[in-house]
C-alpha atoms as a PDB file:
ATOM      1  CA  MET A   1      26.495 -30.972  37.776  1.00  0.00           C
ATOM      2  CA  ASN A   2      25.059 -30.254  41.192  1.00  0.00           C
ATOM      3  CA  GLN A   3      22.413 -33.269  41.698  1.00  0.00           C
ATOM      4  CA  LEU A   4      20.203 -30.939  43.744  1.00  0.00           C
ATOM      5  CA  HIS A   5      19.699 -28.631  40.827  1.00  0.00           C
ATOM      6  CA  LYS A   6      19.742 -31.138  37.945  1.00  0.00           C
ATOM      7  CA  PRO A   7      16.044 -31.340  37.758  1.00  0.00           C
ATOM      8  CA  LEU A   8      15.625 -27.555  37.895  1.00  0.00           C
ATOM      9  CA  ARG A   9      18.188 -27.262  35.047  1.00  0.00           C
ATOM     10  CA  GLU A  10      15.986 -29.649  32.958  1.00  0.00           C
ATOM     11  CA  LEU A  11      13.099 -27.476  33.801  1.00  0.00           C
ATOM     12  CA  TRP A  12      14.980 -24.304  32.932  1.00  0.00           C
ATOM     13  CA  ALA A  13      16.131 -25.673  29.633  1.00  0.00           C
ATOM     14  CA  PHE A  14      12.466 -26.448  28.786  1.00  0.00           C
ATOM     15  CA  GLY A  15      11.272 -23.375  29.976  1.00  0.00           C
ATOM     16  CA  THR A  16      13.720 -21.257  27.824  1.00  0.00           C
ATOM     17  CA  LYS A  17      13.117 -22.902  24.549  1.00  0.00           C
ATOM     18  CA  THR A  18      10.885 -21.548  21.718  1.00  0.00           C
ATOM     19  CA  PHE A  19       7.423 -20.202  22.533  1.00  0.00           C
ATOM     20  CA  LYS A  20       5.218 -21.189  19.859  1.00  0.00           C
ATOM     21  CA  GLU A  21       2.014 -19.802  21.329  1.00  0.00           C
ATOM     22  CA  VAL A  22       1.578 -15.951  21.057  1.00  0.00           C
ATOM     23  CA  ASP A  23      -1.293 -13.522  21.918  1.00  0.00           C
ATOM     24  CA  LYS A  24      -0.393 -10.570  19.832  1.00  0.00           C
ATOM     25  CA  GLU A  25      -2.628  -8.215  21.457  1.00  0.00           C
ATOM     26  CA  THR A  26      -0.932  -8.553  24.736  1.00  0.00           C
ATOM     27  CA  ASP A  27       2.380  -9.950  23.455  1.00  0.00           C
ATOM     28  CA  THR A  28       2.033 -12.937  25.780  1.00  0.00           C
ATOM     29  CA  GLN A  29       4.147 -15.859  24.729  1.00  0.00           C
ATOM     30  CA  TRP A  30       3.906 -19.353  26.035  1.00  0.00           C
ATOM     31  CA  GLY A  31       4.387 -22.951  25.143  1.00  0.00           C
ATOM     32  CA  TRP A  32       3.285 -26.489  25.951  1.00  0.00           C
ATOM     33  CA  GLU A  33       4.049 -30.150  25.365  1.00  0.00           C
ATOM     34  CA  ILE A  34       2.684 -33.445  26.576  1.00  0.00           C
ATOM     35  CA  GLN A  35       4.874 -36.285  27.597  1.00  0.00           C
ATOM     36  CA  GLU A  36       2.865 -39.408  28.412  1.00  0.00           C
ATOM     37  CA  ASP A  37       0.162 -38.234  30.742  1.00  0.00           C
ATOM     38  CA  THR A  38       1.976 -34.992  31.891  1.00  0.00           C
ATOM     39  CA  LEU A  39       1.323 -31.527  30.493  1.00  0.00           C
ATOM     40  CA  TYR A  40       4.176 -29.167  30.546  1.00  0.00           C
ATOM     41  CA  LEU A  41       3.590 -25.451  30.390  1.00  0.00           C
ATOM     42  CA  LYS A  42       6.040 -22.650  30.035  1.00  0.00           C
ATOM     43  CA  PHE A  43       5.660 -18.738  29.983  1.00  0.00           C
ATOM     44  CA  GLN A  44       8.152 -16.289  28.654  1.00  0.00           C
ATOM     45  CA  GLY A  45       9.586 -13.394  30.694  1.00  0.00           C
ATOM     46  CA  SER A  46       9.633  -9.744  29.716  1.00  0.00           C
ATOM     47  CA  VAL A  47      11.058  -9.147  26.150  1.00  0.00           C
ATOM     48  CA  SER A  48       9.173  -6.109  24.933  1.00  0.00           C
ATOM     49  CA  ARG A  49       8.335  -2.424  25.953  1.00  0.00           C
ATOM     50  CA  LEU A  50       4.689  -3.644  26.210  1.00  0.00           C
ATOM     51  CA  ASP A  51       5.797  -6.320  28.717  1.00  0.00           C
ATOM     52  CA  TRP A  52       7.339  -3.666  30.866  1.00  0.00           C
ATOM     53  CA  ARG A  53       4.370  -1.453  30.641  1.00  0.00           C
ATOM     54  CA  GLN A  54       2.331  -4.495  31.852  1.00  0.00           C
ATOM     55  CA  ASN A  55       4.834  -5.172  34.623  1.00  0.00           C
ATOM     56  CA  LEU A  56       4.459  -1.632  36.057  1.00  0.00           C
ATOM     57  CA  ASP A  57       0.609  -1.873  36.077  1.00  0.00           C
ATOM     58  CA  PHE A  58       0.559  -3.380  39.401  1.00  0.00           C
ATOM     59  CA  LEU A  59      -2.585  -1.781  40.795  1.00  0.00           C
ATOM     60  CA  ALA A  60      -4.433  -4.646  42.431  1.00  0.00           C
ATOM     61  CA  THR A  61      -7.672  -5.641  40.885  1.00  0.00           C
ATOM     62  CA  PRO A  62     -10.288  -8.078  42.096  1.00  0.00           C
ATOM     63  CA  TYR A  63      -9.824 -11.612  40.903  1.00  0.00           C
ATOM     64  CA  LYS A  64     -12.808 -13.951  40.262  1.00  0.00           C
ATOM     65  CA  ASP A  65     -16.147 -13.891  41.808  1.00  0.00           C
ATOM     66  CA  MET A  66     -15.545 -16.314  44.605  1.00  0.00           C
ATOM     67  CA  LYS A  67     -14.745 -16.746  48.235  1.00  0.00           C
ATOM     68  CA  PRO A  68     -12.364 -15.898  49.620  1.00  0.00           C
ATOM     69  CA  LYS A  69     -12.117 -12.520  47.581  1.00  0.00           C
ATOM     70  CA  PHE A  70      -8.588 -11.381  46.882  1.00  0.00           C
ATOM     71  CA  LYS A  71      -6.817  -9.206  44.564  1.00  0.00           C
ATOM     72  CA  VAL A  72      -3.891  -9.636  42.076  1.00  0.00           C
ATOM     73  CA  HIS A  73      -1.573  -7.686  39.824  1.00  0.00           C
ATOM     74  CA  ARG A  74      -3.584  -6.098  37.123  1.00  0.00           C
ATOM     75  CA  GLY A  75      -0.921  -6.089  34.437  1.00  0.00           C
ATOM     76  CA  PHE A  76      -0.214  -9.697  34.919  1.00  0.00           C
ATOM     77  CA  LEU A  77      -4.051 -10.651  35.073  1.00  0.00           C
ATOM     78  CA  GLY A  78      -4.686  -9.059  31.799  1.00  0.00           C
ATOM     79  CA  LYS A  79      -1.955 -11.166  29.989  1.00  0.00           C
ATOM     80  CA  TRP A  80      -3.259 -14.348  31.742  1.00  0.00           C
ATOM     81  CA  LYS A  81      -6.733 -13.575  30.690  1.00  0.00           C
ATOM     82  CA  ALA A  82      -5.826 -13.286  27.099  1.00  0.00           C
ATOM     83  CA  ILE A  83      -4.496 -16.956  27.069  1.00  0.00           C
ATOM     84  CA  GLN A  84      -6.495 -18.524  29.810  1.00  0.00           C
ATOM     85  CA  GLU A  85      -8.931 -20.367  27.635  1.00  0.00           C
ATOM     86  CA  ASN A  86      -6.345 -21.528  25.332  1.00  0.00           C
ATOM     87  CA  VAL A  87      -4.101 -22.909  28.169  1.00  0.00           C
ATOM     88  CA  GLN A  88      -7.193 -24.740  29.828  1.00  0.00           C
ATOM     89  CA  SER A  89      -7.989 -26.358  26.470  1.00  0.00           C
ATOM     90  CA  LYS A  90      -4.730 -28.396  26.746  1.00  0.00           C
ATOM     91  CA  ILE A  91      -5.873 -30.165  29.874  1.00  0.00           C
ATOM     92  CA  THR A  92      -7.791 -33.242  28.566  1.00  0.00           C
ATOM     93  CA  LYS A  93      -9.066 -36.277  30.374  1.00  0.00           C
ATOM     94  CA  GLU A  94      -5.792 -38.132  29.559  1.00  0.00           C
ATOM     95  CA  ILE A  95      -3.710 -35.582  31.540  1.00  0.00           C
ATOM     96  CA  ASN A  96      -2.947 -36.708  35.196  1.00  0.00           C
ATOM     97  CA  LYS A  97      -0.103 -34.305  35.978  1.00  0.00           C
ATOM     98  CA  VAL A  98       0.710 -30.633  35.123  1.00  0.00           C
ATOM     99  CA  ILE A  99       4.213 -28.955  35.506  1.00  0.00           C
ATOM    100  CA  ILE A 100       4.481 -25.225  34.957  1.00  0.00           C
ATOM    101  CA  VAL A 101       7.670 -23.222  34.441  1.00  0.00           C
ATOM    102  CA  GLY A 102       8.129 -19.390  34.163  1.00  0.00           C
ATOM    103  CA  PHE A 103      10.825 -16.742  34.575  1.00  0.00           C
ATOM    104  CA  SER A 104      10.211 -13.251  35.722  1.00  0.00           C
ATOM    105  CA  GLN A 105       6.921 -12.004  34.179  1.00  0.00           C
ATOM    106  CA  GLY A 106       6.636 -15.664  32.911  1.00  0.00           C
ATOM    107  CA  GLY A 107       6.887 -16.897  36.589  1.00  0.00           C
ATOM    108  CA  ALA A 108       4.032 -14.402  37.396  1.00  0.00           C
ATOM    109  CA  LEU A 109       1.928 -15.912  34.575  1.00  0.00           C
ATOM    110  CA  ALA A 110       2.871 -19.436  35.833  1.00  0.00           C
ATOM    111  CA  LEU A 111       1.478 -18.619  39.319  1.00  0.00           C
ATOM    112  CA  LEU A 112      -1.871 -17.526  37.792  1.00  0.00           C
ATOM    113  CA  ALA A 113      -1.982 -20.548  35.720  1.00  0.00           C
ATOM    114  CA  HIS A 114      -1.230 -22.533  38.775  1.00  0.00           C
ATOM    115  CA  GLU A 115      -3.987 -21.192  40.602  1.00  0.00           C
ATOM    116  CA  ASP A 116      -6.417 -21.249  37.835  1.00  0.00           C
ATOM    117  CA  ILE A 117      -5.854 -25.054  37.223  1.00  0.00           C
ATOM    118  CA  TRP A 118      -5.941 -25.636  41.029  1.00  0.00           C
ATOM    119  CA  PHE A 119      -9.197 -24.019  41.164  1.00  0.00           C
ATOM    120  CA  ASN A 120     -10.968 -25.647  38.015  1.00  0.00           C
ATOM    121  CA  HIS A 121      -9.200 -29.111  38.137  1.00  0.00           C
ATOM    122  CA  GLU A 122      -9.700 -30.774  41.471  1.00  0.00           C
ATOM    123  CA  GLN A 123      -8.369 -34.000  40.264  1.00  0.00           C
ATOM    124  CA  LEU A 124      -4.939 -32.322  39.457  1.00  0.00           C
ATOM    125  CA  ARG A 125      -4.392 -30.571  42.737  1.00  0.00           C
ATOM    126  CA  ASP A 126      -1.930 -33.071  44.153  1.00  0.00           C
ATOM    127  CA  SER A 127       0.007 -33.520  41.036  1.00  0.00           C
ATOM    128  CA  LEU A 128       0.292 -29.876  40.004  1.00  0.00           C
ATOM    129  CA  GLU A 129       3.808 -28.262  40.257  1.00  0.00           C
ATOM    130  CA  THR A 130       4.998 -24.933  39.495  1.00  0.00           C
ATOM    131  CA  TYR A 131       8.556 -23.716  39.312  1.00  0.00           C
ATOM    132  CA  ALA A 132       8.841 -19.776  39.218  1.00  0.00           C
ATOM    133  CA  PHE A 133      12.353 -18.466  38.628  1.00  0.00           C
ATOM    134  CA  GLY A 134      12.952 -14.805  39.604  1.00  0.00           C
ATOM    135  CA  THR A 135       9.399 -14.011  39.994  1.00  0.00           C
ATOM    136  CA  PRO A 136       7.687 -10.824  41.296  1.00  0.00           C
ATOM    137  CA  ARG A 137       4.776 -10.863  43.678  1.00  0.00           C
ATOM    138  CA  VAL A 138       1.251 -11.448  42.086  1.00  0.00           C
ATOM    139  CA  PHE A 139      -1.222 -12.008  44.743  1.00  0.00           C
ATOM    140  CA  SER A 140      -2.661 -10.076  47.586  1.00  0.00           C
ATOM    141  CA  TRP A 141      -2.453 -11.047  51.239  1.00  0.00           C
ATOM    142  CA  LEU A 142      -5.764 -12.440  51.316  1.00  0.00           C
ATOM    143  CA  ALA A 143      -5.151 -15.158  48.724  1.00  0.00           C
ATOM    144  CA  PRO A 144      -5.435 -18.513  50.125  1.00  0.00           C
ATOM    145  CA  ARG A 145      -1.821 -20.196  50.590  1.00  0.00           C
ATOM    146  CA  ASP A 146      -3.061 -23.662  50.532  1.00  0.00           C
ATOM    147  CA  ARG A 147      -3.445 -23.510  46.553  1.00  0.00           C
ATOM    148  CA  PHE A 148       0.381 -22.877  46.338  1.00  0.00           C
ATOM    149  CA  GLU A 149       1.803 -25.618  48.240  1.00  0.00           C
ATOM    150  CA  ASN A 150       3.384 -27.215  45.291  1.00  0.00           C
ATOM    151  CA  VAL A 151       4.932 -24.017  44.083  1.00  0.00           C
ATOM    152  CA  THR A 152       8.680 -23.552  44.225  1.00  0.00           C
ATOM    153  CA  TYR A 153      10.318 -20.133  43.904  1.00  0.00           C
ATOM    154  CA  ILE A 154      13.957 -19.967  42.583  1.00  0.00           C
ATOM    155  CA  GLN A 155      15.737 -16.668  43.109  1.00  0.00           C
ATOM    156  CA  TYR A 156      19.308 -15.325  43.162  1.00  0.00           C
ATOM    157  CA  LYS A 157      19.982 -13.595  46.370  1.00  0.00           C
ATOM    158  CA  GLY A 158      19.399  -9.853  46.210  1.00  0.00           C
ATOM    159  CA  ASP A 159      17.222 -10.060  42.956  1.00  0.00           C
ATOM    160  CA  MET A 160      15.150  -6.829  43.284  1.00  0.00           C
ATOM    161  CA  VAL A 161      12.589  -8.220  40.924  1.00  0.00           C
ATOM    162  CA  CYS A 162      11.407 -10.749  43.565  1.00  0.00           C
ATOM    163  CA  GLY A 163      10.692  -7.892  45.950  1.00  0.00           C
ATOM    164  CA  VAL A 164       8.202  -6.064  43.609  1.00  0.00           C
ATOM    165  CA  PRO A 165       5.417  -4.787  43.832  1.00  0.00           C
ATOM    166  CA  PRO A 166       6.432  -3.973  47.339  1.00  0.00           C
ATOM    167  CA  TRP A 167       4.568  -5.682  50.495  1.00  0.00           C
ATOM    168  CA  PHE A 168       3.096  -2.434  51.656  1.00  0.00           C
ATOM    169  CA  PHE A 169       1.012  -2.347  48.354  1.00  0.00           C
ATOM    170  CA  GLY A 170      -0.649  -5.478  49.722  1.00  0.00           C
ATOM    171  CA  TYR A 171       1.261  -8.107  47.881  1.00  0.00           C
ATOM    172  CA  LYS A 172       2.938 -11.286  49.125  1.00  0.00           C
ATOM    173  CA  HIS A 173       4.777 -14.420  47.774  1.00  0.00           C
ATOM    174  CA  MET A 174       2.363 -17.404  48.320  1.00  0.00           C
ATOM    175  CA  SER A 175       4.596 -20.392  48.591  1.00  0.00           C
ATOM    176  CA  LYS A 176       7.042 -21.248  51.478  1.00  0.00           C
ATOM    177  CA  ASN A 177       9.206 -23.336  49.198  1.00  0.00           C
ATOM    178  CA  TRP A 178      12.276 -21.302  48.279  1.00  0.00           C
ATOM    179  CA  ILE A 179      15.639 -22.070  46.518  1.00  0.00           C
ATOM    180  CA  THR A 180      17.981 -19.133  46.894  1.00  0.00           C
ATOM    181  CA  ILE A 181      21.223 -19.128  45.026  1.00  0.00           C
ATOM    182  CA  PRO A 182      23.879 -17.362  47.483  1.00  0.00           C
ATOM    183  CA  GLU A 183      25.953 -14.638  46.232  1.00  0.00           C
ATOM    184  CA  GLY A 184      29.509 -16.087  45.317  1.00  0.00           C
ATOM    185  CA  ASP A 185      27.994 -19.233  43.836  1.00  0.00           C
ATOM    186  CA  LYS A 186      28.256 -19.852  40.052  1.00  0.00           C
ATOM    187  CA  TRP A 187      25.928 -17.120  39.217  1.00  0.00           C
ATOM    188  CA  PRO A 188      27.302 -14.040  37.171  1.00  0.00           C
ATOM    189  CA  GLN A 189      28.442 -11.561  39.887  1.00  0.00           C
ATOM    190  CA  TRP A 190      27.100  -8.604  37.979  1.00  0.00           C
ATOM    191  CA  PHE A 191      23.547  -9.901  37.757  1.00  0.00           C
ATOM    192  CA  ARG A 192      22.621  -8.647  41.144  1.00  0.00           C
ATOM    193  CA  ILE A 193      23.128  -5.042  40.293  1.00  0.00           C
ATOM    194  CA  HIS A 194      22.407  -5.366  36.566  1.00  0.00           C
ATOM    195  CA  PRO A 195      19.518  -2.901  35.543  1.00  0.00           C
ATOM    196  CA  ILE A 196      17.924  -5.430  33.146  1.00  0.00           C
ATOM    197  CA  HIS A 197      16.225  -8.332  34.567  1.00  0.00           C
ATOM    198  CA  HIS A 198      16.277 -10.789  31.550  1.00  0.00           C
ATOM    199  CA  MET A 199      16.208 -14.505  30.795  1.00  0.00           C
ATOM    200  CA  GLU A 200      19.760 -14.176  29.194  1.00  0.00           C
ATOM    201  CA  TYR A 201      21.313 -13.174  32.546  1.00  0.00           C
ATOM    202  CA  PHE A 202      19.628 -15.980  34.545  1.00  0.00           C
ATOM    203  CA  GLU A 203      22.664 -18.362  33.686  1.00  0.00           C
ATOM    204  CA  TYR A 204      22.970 -20.467  36.708  1.00  0.00           C
ATOM    205  CA  PHE A 205      20.761 -23.184  35.428  1.00  0.00           C
ATOM    206  CA  LYS A 206      22.442 -23.429  32.018  1.00  0.00           C
ATOM    207  CA  GLU A 207      24.506 -26.646  31.305  1.00  0.00           C
ATOM    208  CA  ASP A 208      28.074 -26.513  32.080  1.00  0.00           C
END
């Protein structure tokens, strides 16, 4: 196993297990567990028609009454708001570190969770880590990048989902930390042109 990718495979394995928490109204599925003083959060990617309708609801909407003012993807924000209070309730005084994992739409929710925790829990900012696999854009150009220094994007070269919504709609990726799997690596070659962006096709981080 590639040692560089071993920690990512462990996170991928955690992030694709059963999601026990569900908001039925928005069909938002997520999960969590605590190991010692670390809270692990995971968010599921698109699995239903409602998820895809939310993916396409990418009009930018104002986010929080604060400075600097910026906008986010409306569909993703609606899902995040539905579970925000429940997610935040898992952060107790015993938690000293938070690690967040998500794939595709789940990666978008992971980024919203990251920003929300960064904003509301100053004591966790240095130990907050997020790993977003095959993730679309979520935030507008005006969002402050310093909140996302501990975010890592993992993508397959040529994955179109990572390029939507388009930059000319005012969206951008927030972190400079990228891991790109090159074409011809151990990835299924048909993934890049396959019309379905789904967890089952993201096989690079499965165990050998």
